[in-house]
Amino acid sequence: MSEQRYGEWVAVRRDGFVAELVLDRPKAMNAVSSEMARCITAACAALSEDRDVRAVVLTSTHERAFCVGADLKERNSLSDAEMQRHRPVSRAAYTGVLELPMPAIAAVHGFALGGGFELALSCDVIVADPTAVVGLPEVSVGVIPGGGGTQLLPRRVGAARAAELIFSARRVAAAEAHELGLVDRLAAEGEDRAEALELARGIAANSPVGLRAAKKALRLGQGLDLRAGLEVEDAAWRTVAFSGDRAEGVAAFNEKRSPNWPGE
């Protein structure tokens, strides 16, 4: 396993075709400051360019928190002009996770609130353990979810349920979060990271070309009518139909062996 640091508070660990994007600011429960946002953005940019990465797992080193959201101590010290300058820096971090071209899985334990939950929502799958507490409490401090929450949450749970959760600013414990679809899998306590990594390794056994094309079709097709969505799917299919991965996959199936994906 190799590790690359991006600033003081973010690391990327590589194990085969799986990369672990690690939030590592334990003294602040991974609160996202301007500097940490820049680190997340840089790490995501590097991952997006790495053709050998087939799946990403977003994890935390803090025992009691995935991420508590924006660094409100920093925010309290900013002038209006500084807030304006901070906005694109913050937004780029969430966009970086959201636009990872390969499947991304969040491993959540403890608090995942505000921007912390938005980082998880920016992933494709959320694995949580029973200690997880999620929510978008921004209206309780006079703002709104600004890391994609007002758009990503209704795509998961529907407009009315998202409205209730955002307007009430309430925190949701793991069992209810799973029942409502706020998280996708419940792991045993302390096993969220291990289960997410196991899921990622299973995903990474598949065609990297197919995985990226499937994710693109899923993302671009959201919100479109069926006919338009099927055109998105057809365009994505055409990018893989004549690829080396498709040829290798068919050959491996017929030869009853595991594929050796060329990744192109």
C-alpha atoms as a PDB file:
ATOM      1  CA  MET A   1       0.000   0.000   0.000  1.00  0.00           C
ATOM      2  CA  SER A   2       1.269   3.494  -0.859  1.00  0.00           C
ATOM      3  CA  GLU A   3       0.246   6.860   0.581  1.00  0.00           C
ATOM      4  CA  GLN A   4       0.354  10.357  -0.882  1.00  0.00           C
ATOM      5  CA  ARG A   5      -0.353  13.388   1.320  1.00  0.00           C
ATOM      6  CA  TYR A   6      -2.213  16.441   0.058  1.00  0.00           C
ATOM      7  CA  GLY A   7      -1.391  19.090   2.585  1.00  0.00           C
ATOM      8  CA  GLU A   8      -1.655  18.342   6.281  1.00  0.00           C
ATOM      9  CA  TRP A   9      -5.179  16.959   6.441  1.00  0.00           C
ATOM     10  CA  VAL A  10      -5.881  14.782   3.385  1.00  0.00           C
ATOM     11  CA  ALA A  11      -4.217  11.585   2.199  1.00  0.00           C
ATOM     12  CA  VAL A  12      -4.717   9.129  -0.639  1.00  0.00           C
ATOM     13  CA  ARG A  13      -3.817   5.506   0.025  1.00  0.00           C
ATOM     14  CA  ARG A  14      -3.496   3.127  -2.902  1.00  0.00           C
ATOM     15  CA  ASP A  15      -3.982  -0.630  -2.664  1.00  0.00           C
ATOM     16  CA  GLY A  16      -4.149  -2.212  -6.093  1.00  0.00           C
ATOM     17  CA  PHE A  17      -6.966  -0.670  -8.107  1.00  0.00           C
ATOM     18  CA  VAL A  18      -8.681   0.864  -5.039  1.00  0.00           C
ATOM     19  CA  ALA A  19      -7.831   4.308  -3.666  1.00  0.00           C
ATOM     20  CA  GLU A  20      -8.792   5.507  -0.195  1.00  0.00           C
ATOM     21  CA  LEU A  21      -9.375   9.249   0.100  1.00  0.00           C
ATOM     22  CA  VAL A  22      -8.720   9.936   3.779  1.00  0.00           C
ATOM     23  CA  LEU A  23     -10.022  12.912   5.756  1.00  0.00           C
ATOM     24  CA  ASP A  24      -7.385  13.387   8.439  1.00  0.00           C
ATOM     25  CA  ARG A  25      -8.020  16.486  10.521  1.00  0.00           C
ATOM     26  CA  PRO A  26      -8.856  14.767  13.811  1.00  0.00           C
ATOM     27  CA  LYS A  27      -8.425  17.787  16.107  1.00  0.00           C
ATOM     28  CA  ALA A  28     -11.328  19.499  14.315  1.00  0.00           C
ATOM     29  CA  MET A  29     -13.445  16.398  13.567  1.00  0.00           C
ATOM     30  CA  ASN A  30     -12.553  16.939   9.904  1.00  0.00           C
ATOM     31  CA  ALA A  31     -14.259  20.337   9.751  1.00  0.00           C
ATOM     32  CA  VAL A  32     -13.686  21.637   6.228  1.00  0.00           C
ATOM     33  CA  SER A  33     -11.602  24.807   6.348  1.00  0.00           C
ATOM     34  CA  SER A  34     -10.401  26.674   3.280  1.00  0.00           C
ATOM     35  CA  GLU A  35      -7.081  24.840   3.395  1.00  0.00           C
ATOM     36  CA  MET A  36      -8.706  21.438   3.825  1.00  0.00           C
ATOM     37  CA  ALA A  37     -11.049  22.196   0.917  1.00  0.00           C
ATOM     38  CA  ARG A  38      -8.019  22.916  -1.276  1.00  0.00           C
ATOM     39  CA  CYS A  39      -6.473  19.622  -0.204  1.00  0.00           C
ATOM     40  CA  ILE A  40      -9.626  17.651  -1.059  1.00  0.00           C
ATOM     41  CA  THR A  41      -9.793  19.374  -4.439  1.00  0.00           C
ATOM     42  CA  ALA A  42      -6.158  18.551  -5.220  1.00  0.00           C
ATOM     43  CA  ALA A  43      -6.546  14.926  -4.176  1.00  0.00           C
ATOM     44  CA  CYS A  44      -9.681  14.502  -6.307  1.00  0.00           C
ATOM     45  CA  ALA A  45      -7.968  16.093  -9.313  1.00  0.00           C
ATOM     46  CA  ALA A  46      -5.101  13.598  -9.023  1.00  0.00           C
ATOM     47  CA  LEU A  47      -7.477  10.654  -8.621  1.00  0.00           C
ATOM     48  CA  SER A  48      -9.532  11.724 -11.630  1.00  0.00           C
ATOM     49  CA  GLU A  49      -6.412  11.620 -13.807  1.00  0.00           C
ATOM     50  CA  ASP A  50      -5.268   8.214 -12.545  1.00  0.00           C
ATOM     51  CA  ARG A  51      -6.465   5.593 -15.029  1.00  0.00           C
ATOM     52  CA  ASP A  52      -5.354   2.787 -12.706  1.00  0.00           C
ATOM     53  CA  VAL A  53      -7.911   3.713 -10.022  1.00  0.00           C
ATOM     54  CA  ARG A  54     -11.163   1.815 -10.493  1.00  0.00           C
ATOM     55  CA  ALA A  55     -12.915   2.688  -7.218  1.00  0.00           C
ATOM     56  CA  VAL A  56     -12.491   5.282  -4.445  1.00  0.00           C
ATOM     57  CA  VAL A  57     -13.466   4.989  -0.773  1.00  0.00           C
ATOM     58  CA  LEU A  58     -13.872   8.199   1.241  1.00  0.00           C
ATOM     59  CA  THR A  59     -12.933   7.608   4.890  1.00  0.00           C
ATOM     60  CA  SER A  60     -12.124   9.401   8.132  1.00  0.00           C
ATOM     61  CA  THR A  61      -9.379   8.882  10.711  1.00  0.00           C
ATOM     62  CA  HIS A  62     -11.494  10.348  13.532  1.00  0.00           C
ATOM     63  CA  GLU A  63     -13.066   7.756  15.822  1.00  0.00           C
ATOM     64  CA  ARG A  64     -16.289   9.703  16.427  1.00  0.00           C
ATOM     65  CA  ALA A  65     -16.834  11.634  13.210  1.00  0.00           C
ATOM     66  CA  PHE A  66     -16.754  11.280   9.466  1.00  0.00           C
ATOM     67  CA  CYS A  67     -16.902  15.054   8.988  1.00  0.00           C
ATOM     68  CA  VAL A  68     -18.806  17.728  10.922  1.00  0.00           C
ATOM     69  CA  GLY A  69     -19.082  20.044   7.913  1.00  0.00           C
ATOM     70  CA  ALA A  70     -17.792  23.554   7.385  1.00  0.00           C
ATOM     71  CA  ASP A  71     -15.255  25.003   9.792  1.00  0.00           C
ATOM     72  CA  LEU A  72     -17.577  27.439  11.569  1.00  0.00           C
ATOM     73  CA  LYS A  73     -14.760  28.867  13.680  1.00  0.00           C
ATOM     74  CA  GLU A  74     -13.033  29.946  10.487  1.00  0.00           C
ATOM     75  CA  ARG A  75     -16.306  31.151   8.992  1.00  0.00           C
ATOM     76  CA  ASN A  76     -16.962  33.313  12.055  1.00  0.00           C
ATOM     77  CA  SER A  77     -13.750  35.235  11.413  1.00  0.00           C
ATOM     78  CA  LEU A  78     -14.412  35.956   7.727  1.00  0.00           C
ATOM     79  CA  SER A  79     -15.639  39.290   6.381  1.00  0.00           C
ATOM     80  CA  ASP A  80     -18.307  39.358   3.670  1.00  0.00           C
ATOM     81  CA  ALA A  81     -15.614  39.890   1.052  1.00  0.00           C
ATOM     82  CA  GLU A  82     -13.605  36.966   2.407  1.00  0.00           C
ATOM     83  CA  MET A  83     -16.722  34.794   2.368  1.00  0.00           C
ATOM     84  CA  GLN A  84     -17.166  35.620  -1.309  1.00  0.00           C
ATOM     85  CA  ARG A  85     -13.585  34.552  -2.020  1.00  0.00           C
ATOM     86  CA  HIS A  86     -13.971  31.431   0.091  1.00  0.00           C
ATOM     87  CA  ARG A  87     -17.074  30.199  -1.737  1.00  0.00           C
ATOM     88  CA  PRO A  88     -15.447  28.843  -4.932  1.00  0.00           C
ATOM     89  CA  VAL A  89     -12.683  27.230  -2.847  1.00  0.00           C
ATOM     90  CA  SER A  90     -15.246  25.389  -0.732  1.00  0.00           C
ATOM     91  CA  ARG A  91     -17.441  24.497  -3.674  1.00  0.00           C
ATOM     92  CA  ALA A  92     -14.536  22.998  -5.617  1.00  0.00           C
ATOM     93  CA  ALA A  93     -13.977  20.383  -2.898  1.00  0.00           C
ATOM     94  CA  TYR A  94     -17.516  19.034  -3.098  1.00  0.00           C
ATOM     95  CA  THR A  95     -17.474  19.185  -6.878  1.00  0.00           C
ATOM     96  CA  GLY A  96     -14.180  17.291  -6.871  1.00  0.00           C
ATOM     97  CA  VAL A  97     -15.737  14.351  -5.031  1.00  0.00           C
ATOM     98  CA  LEU A  98     -18.962  14.522  -7.038  1.00  0.00           C
ATOM     99  CA  GLU A  99     -17.137  14.474 -10.372  1.00  0.00           C
ATOM    100  CA  LEU A 100     -14.788  11.573  -9.652  1.00  0.00           C
ATOM    101  CA  PRO A 101     -15.136   9.526 -12.856  1.00  0.00           C
ATOM    102  CA  MET A 102     -14.906   6.169 -11.108  1.00  0.00           C
ATOM    103  CA  PRO A 103     -17.355   4.728  -8.521  1.00  0.00           C
ATOM    104  CA  ALA A 104     -16.966   6.354  -5.102  1.00  0.00           C
ATOM    105  CA  ILE A 105     -18.099   4.944  -1.744  1.00  0.00           C
ATOM    106  CA  ALA A 106     -18.339   6.850   1.531  1.00  0.00           C
ATOM    107  CA  ALA A 107     -17.560   4.994   4.768  1.00  0.00           C
ATOM    108  CA  VAL A 108     -19.431   6.854   7.517  1.00  0.00           C
ATOM    109  CA  HIS A 109     -19.298   6.524  11.279  1.00  0.00           C
ATOM    110  CA  GLY A 110     -20.149   9.095  13.926  1.00  0.00           C
ATOM    111  CA  PHE A 111     -21.162  12.569  12.833  1.00  0.00           C
ATOM    112  CA  ALA A 112     -21.649  13.349   9.137  1.00  0.00           C
ATOM    113  CA  LEU A 113     -23.340  16.723   9.312  1.00  0.00           C
ATOM    114  CA  GLY A 114     -23.789  19.616   6.900  1.00  0.00           C
ATOM    115  CA  GLY A 115     -20.897  19.648   4.483  1.00  0.00           C
ATOM    116  CA  GLY A 116     -19.742  16.341   5.934  1.00  0.00           C
ATOM    117  CA  PHE A 117     -22.949  14.643   4.855  1.00  0.00           C
ATOM    118  CA  GLU A 118     -22.713  16.458   1.522  1.00  0.00           C
ATOM    119  CA  LEU A 119     -19.300  14.880   0.933  1.00  0.00           C
ATOM    120  CA  ALA A 120     -20.919  11.491   1.520  1.00  0.00           C
ATOM    121  CA  LEU A 121     -23.885  12.385  -0.715  1.00  0.00           C
ATOM    122  CA  SER A 122     -21.400  13.262  -3.458  1.00  0.00           C
ATOM    123  CA  CYS A 123     -20.359   9.612  -3.517  1.00  0.00           C
ATOM    124  CA  ASP A 124     -22.304   6.893  -5.340  1.00  0.00           C
ATOM    125  CA  VAL A 125     -22.835   4.613  -2.336  1.00  0.00           C
ATOM    126  CA  ILE A 126     -22.831   5.325   1.406  1.00  0.00           C
ATOM    127  CA  VAL A 127     -21.868   2.608   3.900  1.00  0.00           C
ATOM    128  CA  ALA A 128     -22.510   3.509   7.546  1.00  0.00           C
ATOM    129  CA  ASP A 129     -22.107   1.852  10.910  1.00  0.00           C
ATOM    130  CA  PRO A 130     -24.616   2.104  13.807  1.00  0.00           C
ATOM    131  CA  THR A 131     -22.853   5.119  15.326  1.00  0.00           C
ATOM    132  CA  ALA A 132     -23.528   7.271  12.260  1.00  0.00           C
ATOM    133  CA  VAL A 133     -25.566  10.441  12.676  1.00  0.00           C
ATOM    134  CA  VAL A 134     -26.322  12.339   9.471  1.00  0.00           C
ATOM    135  CA  GLY A 135     -28.127  15.548   8.625  1.00  0.00           C
ATOM    136  CA  LEU A 136     -28.152  18.905   6.909  1.00  0.00           C
ATOM    137  CA  PRO A 137     -28.572  21.419   9.771  1.00  0.00           C
ATOM    138  CA  GLU A 138     -27.525  24.542   7.837  1.00  0.00           C
ATOM    139  CA  VAL A 139     -30.779  26.488   8.252  1.00  0.00           C
ATOM    140  CA  SER A 140     -30.264  26.324  12.032  1.00  0.00           C
ATOM    141  CA  VAL A 141     -27.195  28.566  11.633  1.00  0.00           C
ATOM    142  CA  GLY A 142     -28.711  30.896   9.059  1.00  0.00           C
ATOM    143  CA  VAL A 143     -27.487  29.405   5.777  1.00  0.00           C
ATOM    144  CA  ILE A 144     -28.521  26.587   3.451  1.00  0.00           C
ATOM    145  CA  PRO A 145     -26.732  23.420   2.312  1.00  0.00           C
ATOM    146  CA  GLY A 146     -24.114  24.719  -0.108  1.00  0.00           C
ATOM    147  CA  GLY A 147     -22.157  21.589  -1.018  1.00  0.00           C
ATOM    148  CA  GLY A 148     -24.864  20.056  -3.173  1.00  0.00           C
ATOM    149  CA  GLY A 149     -27.273  19.009  -0.438  1.00  0.00           C
ATOM    150  CA  THR A 150     -30.417  20.664  -1.819  1.00  0.00           C
ATOM    151  CA  GLN A 151     -29.853  18.854  -5.129  1.00  0.00           C
ATOM    152  CA  LEU A 152     -28.345  15.527  -4.085  1.00  0.00           C
ATOM    153  CA  LEU A 153     -30.648  14.689  -1.180  1.00  0.00           C
ATOM    154  CA  PRO A 154     -33.947  14.904  -3.157  1.00  0.00           C
ATOM    155  CA  ARG A 155     -32.381  12.730  -5.860  1.00  0.00           C
ATOM    156  CA  ARG A 156     -31.899  10.102  -3.164  1.00  0.00           C
ATOM    157  CA  VAL A 157     -35.067  10.336  -1.124  1.00  0.00           C
ATOM    158  CA  GLY A 158     -37.547  12.485  -3.060  1.00  0.00           C
ATOM    159  CA  ALA A 159     -38.451  16.160  -2.833  1.00  0.00           C
ATOM    160  CA  ALA A 160     -40.862  16.048   0.124  1.00  0.00           C
ATOM    161  CA  ARG A 161     -38.634  13.963   2.382  1.00  0.00           C
ATOM    162  CA  ALA A 162     -35.604  16.091   1.515  1.00  0.00           C
ATOM    163  CA  ALA A 163     -37.603  19.223   2.312  1.00  0.00           C
ATOM    164  CA  GLU A 164     -38.607  17.878   5.730  1.00  0.00           C
ATOM    165  CA  LEU A 165     -35.018  16.956   6.579  1.00  0.00           C
ATOM    166  CA  ILE A 166     -33.510  20.244   5.376  1.00  0.00           C
ATOM    167  CA  PHE A 167     -36.221  22.526   6.831  1.00  0.00           C
ATOM    168  CA  SER A 168     -36.202  20.788  10.228  1.00  0.00           C
ATOM    169  CA  ALA A 169     -32.364  20.656  10.363  1.00  0.00           C
ATOM    170  CA  ARG A 170     -32.741  17.439  12.311  1.00  0.00           C
ATOM    171  CA  ARG A 171     -30.065  14.840  12.874  1.00  0.00           C
ATOM    172  CA  VAL A 172     -30.882  11.290  11.809  1.00  0.00           C
ATOM    173  CA  ALA A 173     -29.410   8.230  13.516  1.00  0.00           C
ATOM    174  CA  ALA A 174     -28.092   5.314  11.503  1.00  0.00           C
ATOM    175  CA  ALA A 175     -31.076   2.967  11.658  1.00  0.00           C
ATOM    176  CA  GLU A 176     -33.561   5.617  10.504  1.00  0.00           C
ATOM    177  CA  ALA A 177     -31.057   6.937   7.959  1.00  0.00           C
ATOM    178  CA  HIS A 178     -30.881   3.469   6.408  1.00  0.00           C
ATOM    179  CA  GLU A 179     -34.659   3.109   6.463  1.00  0.00           C
ATOM    180  CA  LEU A 180     -35.093   6.485   4.722  1.00  0.00           C
ATOM    181  CA  GLY A 181     -32.401   5.790   2.124  1.00  0.00           C
ATOM    182  CA  LEU A 182     -29.981   8.414   3.432  1.00  0.00           C
ATOM    183  CA  VAL A 183     -27.367   5.653   3.611  1.00  0.00           C
ATOM    184  CA  ASP A 184     -27.280   2.478   1.543  1.00  0.00           C
ATOM    185  CA  ARG A 185     -25.674  -0.170   3.738  1.00  0.00           C
ATOM    186  CA  LEU A 186     -25.412  -0.666   7.486  1.00  0.00           C
ATOM    187  CA  ALA A 187     -22.194  -2.327   8.604  1.00  0.00           C
ATOM    188  CA  ALA A 188     -21.413  -3.679  12.051  1.00  0.00           C
ATOM    189  CA  GLU A 189     -20.073  -1.087  14.491  1.00  0.00           C
ATOM    190  CA  GLY A 190     -16.560  -0.046  13.542  1.00  0.00           C
ATOM    191  CA  GLU A 191     -16.733  -1.954  10.254  1.00  0.00           C
ATOM    192  CA  ASP A 192     -17.884   0.806   7.893  1.00  0.00           C
ATOM    193  CA  ARG A 193     -14.419   1.291   6.405  1.00  0.00           C
ATOM    194  CA  ALA A 194     -13.732  -2.435   6.038  1.00  0.00           C
ATOM    195  CA  GLU A 195     -17.093  -3.075   4.378  1.00  0.00           C
ATOM    196  CA  ALA A 196     -16.710  -0.104   2.044  1.00  0.00           C
ATOM    197  CA  LEU A 197     -13.233  -1.266   1.025  1.00  0.00           C
ATOM    198  CA  GLU A 198     -14.518  -4.796   0.445  1.00  0.00           C
ATOM    199  CA  LEU A 199     -17.295  -3.411  -1.758  1.00  0.00           C
ATOM    200  CA  ALA A 200     -14.745  -1.283  -3.622  1.00  0.00           C
ATOM    201  CA  ARG A 201     -12.490  -4.277  -4.263  1.00  0.00           C
ATOM    202  CA  GLY A 202     -15.443  -6.165  -5.729  1.00  0.00           C
ATOM    203  CA  ILE A 203     -16.292  -3.204  -7.955  1.00  0.00           C
ATOM    204  CA  ALA A 204     -12.649  -2.820  -9.008  1.00  0.00           C
ATOM    205  CA  ALA A 205     -12.614  -6.384 -10.369  1.00  0.00           C
ATOM    206  CA  ASN A 206     -14.840  -5.161 -13.197  1.00  0.00           C
ATOM    207  CA  SER A 207     -13.936  -3.321 -16.396  1.00  0.00           C
ATOM    208  CA  PRO A 208     -12.563   0.166 -15.658  1.00  0.00           C
ATOM    209  CA  VAL A 209     -13.905   1.368 -19.009  1.00  0.00           C
ATOM    210  CA  GLY A 210     -17.314  -0.084 -18.209  1.00  0.00           C
ATOM    211  CA  LEU A 211     -17.364   1.351 -14.686  1.00  0.00           C
ATOM    212  CA  ARG A 212     -16.594   4.899 -15.816  1.00  0.00           C
ATOM    213  CA  ALA A 213     -19.113   4.731 -18.670  1.00  0.00           C
ATOM    214  CA  ALA A 214     -21.821   3.307 -16.411  1.00  0.00           C
ATOM    215  CA  LYS A 215     -21.241   6.054 -13.825  1.00  0.00           C
ATOM    216  CA  LYS A 216     -21.395   8.711 -16.532  1.00  0.00           C
ATOM    217  CA  ALA A 217     -24.680   7.310 -17.868  1.00  0.00           C
ATOM    218  CA  LEU A 218     -26.178   7.151 -14.377  1.00  0.00           C
ATOM    219  CA  ARG A 219     -25.168  10.712 -13.535  1.00  0.00           C
ATOM    220  CA  LEU A 220     -26.064  12.349 -16.864  1.00  0.00           C
ATOM    221  CA  GLY A 221     -29.378  10.535 -17.070  1.00  0.00           C
ATOM    222  CA  GLN A 222     -30.684  11.785 -13.719  1.00  0.00           C
ATOM    223  CA  GLY A 223     -33.665  14.079 -14.121  1.00  0.00           C
ATOM    224  CA  LEU A 224     -34.121  13.421 -17.834  1.00  0.00           C
ATOM    225  CA  ASP A 225     -37.252  11.924 -19.328  1.00  0.00           C
ATOM    226  CA  LEU A 226     -36.964   8.281 -20.360  1.00  0.00           C
ATOM    227  CA  ARG A 227     -36.362   8.912 -24.042  1.00  0.00           C
ATOM    228  CA  ALA A 228     -33.552  11.399 -23.345  1.00  0.00           C
ATOM    229  CA  GLY A 229     -32.091   9.123 -20.688  1.00  0.00           C
ATOM    230  CA  LEU A 230     -31.950   6.229 -23.122  1.00  0.00           C
ATOM    231  CA  GLU A 231     -30.012   8.427 -25.549  1.00  0.00           C
ATOM    232  CA  VAL A 232     -27.506   9.144 -22.778  1.00  0.00           C
ATOM    233  CA  GLU A 233     -27.222   5.405 -22.157  1.00  0.00           C
ATOM    234  CA  ASP A 234     -26.749   4.678 -25.867  1.00  0.00           C
ATOM    235  CA  ALA A 235     -23.960   7.249 -26.109  1.00  0.00           C
ATOM    236  CA  ALA A 236     -22.222   5.680 -23.112  1.00  0.00           C
ATOM    237  CA  TRP A 237     -22.684   2.187 -24.585  1.00  0.00           C
ATOM    238  CA  ARG A 238     -20.976   3.272 -27.788  1.00  0.00           C
ATOM    239  CA  THR A 239     -17.904   4.371 -25.831  1.00  0.00           C
ATOM    240  CA  VAL A 240     -17.437   0.834 -24.487  1.00  0.00           C
ATOM    241  CA  ALA A 241     -18.818  -1.361 -27.277  1.00  0.00           C
ATOM    242  CA  PHE A 242     -15.640  -1.157 -29.352  1.00  0.00           C
ATOM    243  CA  SER A 243     -13.163  -0.936 -26.478  1.00  0.00           C
ATOM    244  CA  GLY A 244     -10.356  -3.282 -25.572  1.00  0.00           C
ATOM    245  CA  ASP A 245     -12.141  -4.039 -22.322  1.00  0.00           C
ATOM    246  CA  ARG A 246     -15.224  -5.254 -24.198  1.00  0.00           C
ATOM    247  CA  ALA A 247     -13.109  -7.537 -26.398  1.00  0.00           C
ATOM    248  CA  GLU A 248     -11.241  -8.904 -23.366  1.00  0.00           C
ATOM    249  CA  GLY A 249     -14.433  -9.385 -21.355  1.00  0.00           C
ATOM    250  CA  VAL A 250     -16.116 -11.426 -24.098  1.00  0.00           C
ATOM    251  CA  ALA A 251     -12.950 -13.458 -24.709  1.00  0.00           C
ATOM    252  CA  ALA A 252     -12.493 -14.189 -21.000  1.00  0.00           C
ATOM    253  CA  PHE A 253     -16.124 -15.280 -20.661  1.00  0.00           C
ATOM    254  CA  ASN A 254     -15.839 -17.700 -23.573  1.00  0.00           C
ATOM    255  CA  GLU A 255     -12.477 -19.017 -22.373  1.00  0.00           C
ATOM    256  CA  LYS A 256     -13.811 -19.434 -18.800  1.00  0.00           C
ATOM    257  CA  ARG A 257     -11.063 -17.337 -17.213  1.00  0.00           C
ATOM    258  CA  SER A 258     -10.779 -14.081 -15.291  1.00  0.00           C
ATOM    259  CA  PRO A 259     -10.398 -11.018 -17.544  1.00  0.00           C
ATOM    260  CA  ASN A 260      -7.181  -9.042 -17.701  1.00  0.00           C
ATOM    261  CA  TRP A 261      -8.642  -5.607 -18.407  1.00  0.00           C
ATOM    262  CA  PRO A 262      -6.539  -3.386 -20.689  1.00  0.00           C
ATOM    263  CA  GLY A 263      -8.457  -0.360 -19.378  1.00  0.00           C
ATOM    264  CA  GLU A 264      -9.033   1.156 -22.800  1.00  0.00           C
END
